[in-house]
N, C-alpha and C. Protein backbone atom coordinates (compact mmCIF):
# COMPACT_ATOMS: atom_id res chain seq x y z
N UNK A 1 -69.02 26.05 -82.93
CA UNK A 1 -69.98 25.18 -82.30
C UNK A 1 -69.32 23.89 -81.83
N UNK A 2 -68.63 23.19 -82.72
CA UNK A 2 -67.98 21.93 -82.34
C UNK A 2 -66.84 22.19 -81.35
N UNK A 3 -66.19 23.33 -81.51
CA UNK A 3 -65.11 23.68 -80.60
C UNK A 3 -65.65 23.90 -79.19
N UNK A 4 -66.80 24.55 -79.06
CA UNK A 4 -67.39 24.79 -77.75
C UNK A 4 -67.85 23.49 -77.10
N UNK A 5 -68.38 22.56 -77.90
CA UNK A 5 -68.79 21.27 -77.36
C UNK A 5 -67.57 20.50 -76.86
N UNK A 6 -66.47 20.55 -77.61
CA UNK A 6 -65.24 19.89 -77.19
C UNK A 6 -64.71 20.50 -75.90
N UNK A 7 -64.73 21.81 -75.80
CA UNK A 7 -64.28 22.48 -74.58
C UNK A 7 -65.16 22.07 -73.41
N UNK A 8 -66.47 22.03 -73.61
CA UNK A 8 -67.38 21.59 -72.56
C UNK A 8 -67.14 20.15 -72.16
N UNK A 9 -66.85 19.29 -73.14
CA UNK A 9 -66.53 17.89 -72.86
C UNK A 9 -65.29 17.78 -71.99
N UNK A 10 -64.25 18.52 -72.36
CA UNK A 10 -63.01 18.49 -71.57
C UNK A 10 -63.23 19.05 -70.16
N UNK A 11 -64.03 20.10 -70.05
CA UNK A 11 -64.36 20.65 -68.73
C UNK A 11 -65.11 19.61 -67.91
N UNK A 12 -66.04 18.89 -68.54
CA UNK A 12 -66.80 17.87 -67.83
C UNK A 12 -65.93 16.72 -67.34
N UNK A 13 -65.00 16.27 -68.18
CA UNK A 13 -64.10 15.18 -67.78
C UNK A 13 -63.19 15.65 -66.64
N UNK A 14 -62.61 16.85 -66.79
CA UNK A 14 -61.73 17.38 -65.76
C UNK A 14 -62.46 17.57 -64.44
N UNK A 15 -63.67 18.07 -64.50
CA UNK A 15 -64.46 18.29 -63.29
C UNK A 15 -64.78 16.97 -62.60
N UNK A 16 -65.10 15.94 -63.38
CA UNK A 16 -65.38 14.62 -62.79
C UNK A 16 -64.13 14.05 -62.13
N UNK A 17 -62.98 14.22 -62.77
CA UNK A 17 -61.73 13.75 -62.16
C UNK A 17 -61.42 14.53 -60.89
N UNK A 18 -61.67 15.82 -60.91
CA UNK A 18 -61.47 16.64 -59.72
C UNK A 18 -62.40 16.19 -58.60
N UNK A 19 -63.65 15.92 -58.92
CA UNK A 19 -64.60 15.46 -57.92
C UNK A 19 -64.20 14.12 -57.33
N UNK A 20 -63.70 13.21 -58.18
CA UNK A 20 -63.23 11.91 -57.69
C UNK A 20 -62.03 12.09 -56.77
N UNK A 21 -61.12 12.97 -57.17
CA UNK A 21 -59.94 13.25 -56.34
C UNK A 21 -60.36 13.81 -54.99
N UNK A 22 -61.27 14.77 -55.00
CA UNK A 22 -61.73 15.37 -53.75
C UNK A 22 -62.42 14.35 -52.86
N UNK A 23 -63.21 13.45 -53.46
CA UNK A 23 -63.87 12.42 -52.67
C UNK A 23 -62.86 11.50 -52.01
N UNK A 24 -61.87 11.03 -52.78
CA UNK A 24 -60.86 10.14 -52.22
C UNK A 24 -60.05 10.84 -51.14
N UNK A 25 -59.73 12.10 -51.36
CA UNK A 25 -58.91 12.84 -50.40
C UNK A 25 -59.65 13.11 -49.10
N UNK A 26 -60.90 13.56 -49.18
CA UNK A 26 -61.60 14.00 -47.98
C UNK A 26 -62.42 12.92 -47.29
N UNK A 27 -62.88 11.92 -48.01
CA UNK A 27 -63.80 10.96 -47.42
C UNK A 27 -63.22 9.57 -47.24
N UNK A 28 -61.95 9.36 -47.57
CA UNK A 28 -61.29 8.10 -47.30
C UNK A 28 -60.00 8.37 -46.54
N UNK A 29 -59.43 7.32 -46.00
CA UNK A 29 -58.18 7.47 -45.25
C UNK A 29 -56.97 7.20 -46.13
N UNK A 30 -57.19 6.93 -47.42
CA UNK A 30 -56.09 6.60 -48.33
C UNK A 30 -55.52 7.84 -48.98
N UNK A 31 -54.27 7.73 -49.43
CA UNK A 31 -53.77 8.77 -50.32
C UNK A 31 -54.25 8.44 -51.73
N UNK A 32 -53.96 9.27 -52.69
CA UNK A 32 -54.57 9.15 -54.02
C UNK A 32 -54.18 7.85 -54.71
N UNK A 33 -52.89 7.54 -54.80
CA UNK A 33 -52.46 6.37 -55.58
C UNK A 33 -52.91 5.07 -54.92
N UNK A 34 -52.71 4.93 -53.62
CA UNK A 34 -53.15 3.69 -52.97
C UNK A 34 -54.67 3.63 -52.89
N UNK A 35 -55.32 4.76 -52.76
CA UNK A 35 -56.78 4.80 -52.72
C UNK A 35 -57.39 4.30 -54.02
N UNK A 36 -56.86 4.75 -55.14
CA UNK A 36 -57.37 4.29 -56.44
C UNK A 36 -57.13 2.80 -56.60
N UNK A 37 -55.96 2.34 -56.18
CA UNK A 37 -55.64 0.92 -56.30
C UNK A 37 -56.58 0.06 -55.45
N UNK A 38 -56.80 0.45 -54.22
CA UNK A 38 -57.68 -0.30 -53.32
C UNK A 38 -59.13 -0.24 -53.79
N UNK A 39 -59.56 0.93 -54.19
CA UNK A 39 -60.94 1.09 -54.67
C UNK A 39 -61.17 0.27 -55.93
N UNK A 40 -60.17 0.22 -56.80
CA UNK A 40 -60.30 -0.59 -58.01
C UNK A 40 -60.36 -2.07 -57.67
N UNK A 41 -59.55 -2.51 -56.69
CA UNK A 41 -59.57 -3.91 -56.27
C UNK A 41 -60.93 -4.31 -55.71
N UNK A 42 -61.55 -3.42 -54.96
CA UNK A 42 -62.84 -3.73 -54.35
C UNK A 42 -64.00 -3.55 -55.32
N UNK A 43 -63.74 -3.01 -56.50
CA UNK A 43 -64.77 -2.86 -57.51
C UNK A 43 -65.62 -1.61 -57.36
N UNK A 44 -65.10 -0.60 -56.67
CA UNK A 44 -65.86 0.62 -56.43
C UNK A 44 -65.43 1.79 -57.31
N UNK A 45 -64.55 1.55 -58.25
CA UNK A 45 -64.02 2.66 -59.05
C UNK A 45 -65.11 3.35 -59.86
N UNK A 46 -66.02 2.60 -60.42
CA UNK A 46 -67.13 3.18 -61.17
C UNK A 46 -68.00 4.06 -60.30
N UNK A 47 -68.20 3.64 -59.06
CA UNK A 47 -69.02 4.43 -58.13
C UNK A 47 -68.32 5.73 -57.75
N UNK A 48 -67.02 5.68 -57.59
CA UNK A 48 -66.26 6.89 -57.27
C UNK A 48 -66.30 7.88 -58.44
N UNK A 49 -66.18 7.36 -59.66
CA UNK A 49 -66.27 8.23 -60.83
C UNK A 49 -67.66 8.85 -60.91
N UNK A 50 -68.68 8.05 -60.60
CA UNK A 50 -70.04 8.58 -60.62
C UNK A 50 -70.22 9.68 -59.58
N UNK A 51 -69.67 9.49 -58.40
CA UNK A 51 -69.74 10.54 -57.38
C UNK A 51 -68.97 11.79 -57.82
N UNK A 52 -67.89 11.59 -58.54
CA UNK A 52 -67.12 12.73 -59.05
C UNK A 52 -67.88 13.56 -60.05
N UNK A 53 -68.82 12.94 -60.76
CA UNK A 53 -69.58 13.70 -61.75
C UNK A 53 -70.63 14.62 -61.13
N UNK A 54 -70.82 14.54 -59.84
CA UNK A 54 -71.76 15.46 -59.19
C UNK A 54 -71.34 16.92 -59.36
N UNK A 55 -70.04 17.16 -59.44
CA UNK A 55 -69.58 18.53 -59.67
C UNK A 55 -69.97 19.04 -61.06
N UNK A 56 -70.17 18.11 -62.00
CA UNK A 56 -70.59 18.51 -63.33
C UNK A 56 -71.96 19.20 -63.32
N UNK A 57 -72.77 18.85 -62.35
CA UNK A 57 -74.08 19.49 -62.23
C UNK A 57 -73.93 20.99 -61.98
N UNK A 58 -73.01 21.36 -61.11
CA UNK A 58 -72.77 22.78 -60.84
C UNK A 58 -72.18 23.48 -62.06
N UNK A 59 -71.25 22.82 -62.74
CA UNK A 59 -70.64 23.40 -63.94
C UNK A 59 -71.71 23.58 -65.02
N UNK A 60 -72.59 22.60 -65.17
CA UNK A 60 -73.67 22.69 -66.14
C UNK A 60 -74.56 23.89 -65.85
N UNK A 61 -74.93 24.08 -64.59
CA UNK A 61 -75.79 25.21 -64.22
C UNK A 61 -75.09 26.54 -64.47
N UNK A 62 -73.81 26.62 -64.16
CA UNK A 62 -73.06 27.86 -64.39
C UNK A 62 -72.99 28.18 -65.88
N UNK A 63 -72.73 27.16 -66.69
CA UNK A 63 -72.64 27.39 -68.14
C UNK A 63 -73.98 27.82 -68.72
N UNK A 64 -75.07 27.24 -68.23
CA UNK A 64 -76.38 27.66 -68.72
C UNK A 64 -76.69 29.09 -68.30
N UNK A 65 -76.30 29.45 -67.09
CA UNK A 65 -76.55 30.80 -66.60
C UNK A 65 -75.79 31.84 -67.43
N UNK A 66 -74.62 31.45 -67.93
CA UNK A 66 -73.81 32.36 -68.75
C UNK A 66 -74.11 32.24 -70.24
N UNK A 67 -75.20 31.55 -70.60
CA UNK A 67 -75.63 31.36 -71.98
C UNK A 67 -74.57 30.67 -72.85
N UNK A 68 -73.92 29.66 -72.29
CA UNK A 68 -72.95 28.84 -73.02
C UNK A 68 -73.58 27.46 -73.26
N UNK A 69 -74.63 27.43 -74.08
CA UNK A 69 -75.40 26.21 -74.28
C UNK A 69 -74.58 25.09 -74.89
N UNK A 70 -73.72 25.40 -75.83
CA UNK A 70 -72.94 24.35 -76.48
C UNK A 70 -71.90 23.76 -75.54
N UNK A 71 -71.31 24.59 -74.69
CA UNK A 71 -70.39 24.05 -73.69
C UNK A 71 -71.15 23.18 -72.69
N UNK A 72 -72.36 23.58 -72.34
CA UNK A 72 -73.19 22.77 -71.44
C UNK A 72 -73.52 21.43 -72.09
N UNK A 73 -73.74 21.42 -73.41
CA UNK A 73 -73.95 20.16 -74.11
C UNK A 73 -72.72 19.28 -74.04
N UNK A 74 -71.55 19.87 -74.11
CA UNK A 74 -70.30 19.11 -73.98
C UNK A 74 -70.17 18.48 -72.61
N UNK A 75 -70.60 19.20 -71.58
CA UNK A 75 -70.56 18.66 -70.22
C UNK A 75 -71.51 17.46 -70.12
N UNK A 76 -72.68 17.58 -70.71
CA UNK A 76 -73.63 16.46 -70.71
C UNK A 76 -73.05 15.28 -71.48
N UNK A 77 -72.37 15.53 -72.58
CA UNK A 77 -71.72 14.47 -73.33
C UNK A 77 -70.67 13.77 -72.48
N UNK A 78 -69.91 14.54 -71.71
CA UNK A 78 -68.90 13.95 -70.82
C UNK A 78 -69.56 13.07 -69.77
N UNK A 79 -70.68 13.51 -69.22
CA UNK A 79 -71.39 12.71 -68.22
C UNK A 79 -71.89 11.41 -68.85
N UNK A 80 -72.38 11.47 -70.07
CA UNK A 80 -72.85 10.26 -70.76
C UNK A 80 -71.68 9.30 -70.99
N UNK A 81 -70.55 9.82 -71.45
CA UNK A 81 -69.37 8.97 -71.68
C UNK A 81 -68.90 8.35 -70.37
N UNK A 82 -68.88 9.13 -69.31
CA UNK A 82 -68.46 8.59 -68.01
C UNK A 82 -69.45 7.55 -67.49
N UNK A 83 -70.73 7.75 -67.73
CA UNK A 83 -71.73 6.78 -67.30
C UNK A 83 -71.56 5.45 -68.04
N UNK A 84 -71.29 5.54 -69.32
CA UNK A 84 -71.06 4.31 -70.10
C UNK A 84 -69.77 3.64 -69.65
N UNK A 85 -68.74 4.43 -69.34
CA UNK A 85 -67.47 3.83 -68.90
C UNK A 85 -67.63 3.17 -67.52
N UNK A 86 -68.51 3.69 -66.67
CA UNK A 86 -68.71 3.03 -65.37
C UNK A 86 -69.43 1.71 -65.53
N UNK A 87 -70.24 1.57 -66.56
CA UNK A 87 -70.86 0.28 -66.84
C UNK A 87 -69.82 -0.76 -67.25
N UNK A 88 -68.80 -0.31 -67.97
CA UNK A 88 -67.74 -1.21 -68.41
C UNK A 88 -66.83 -1.59 -67.24
N UNK A 89 -66.58 -0.64 -66.35
CA UNK A 89 -65.70 -0.93 -65.21
C UNK A 89 -66.41 -1.87 -64.27
């Protein structure tokens, strides 16, 4: 049970990072390293992380469809942790 929640948490964090990477790559003119630096300077890093978590919604739905409730709980935990971290940023 705890192992599945941890796996779901890691999947949620990885998916959010992937979503942030895809957003920076496709919707900005910056490359990854300079894009993160510029976005952080302008104070938009929390918003980019929040946009990256949109992919977690799809992962959550897939996990529920496959009856992986504890992994889905881990994904929700990752979203909560990321939401709190965006408040700090």
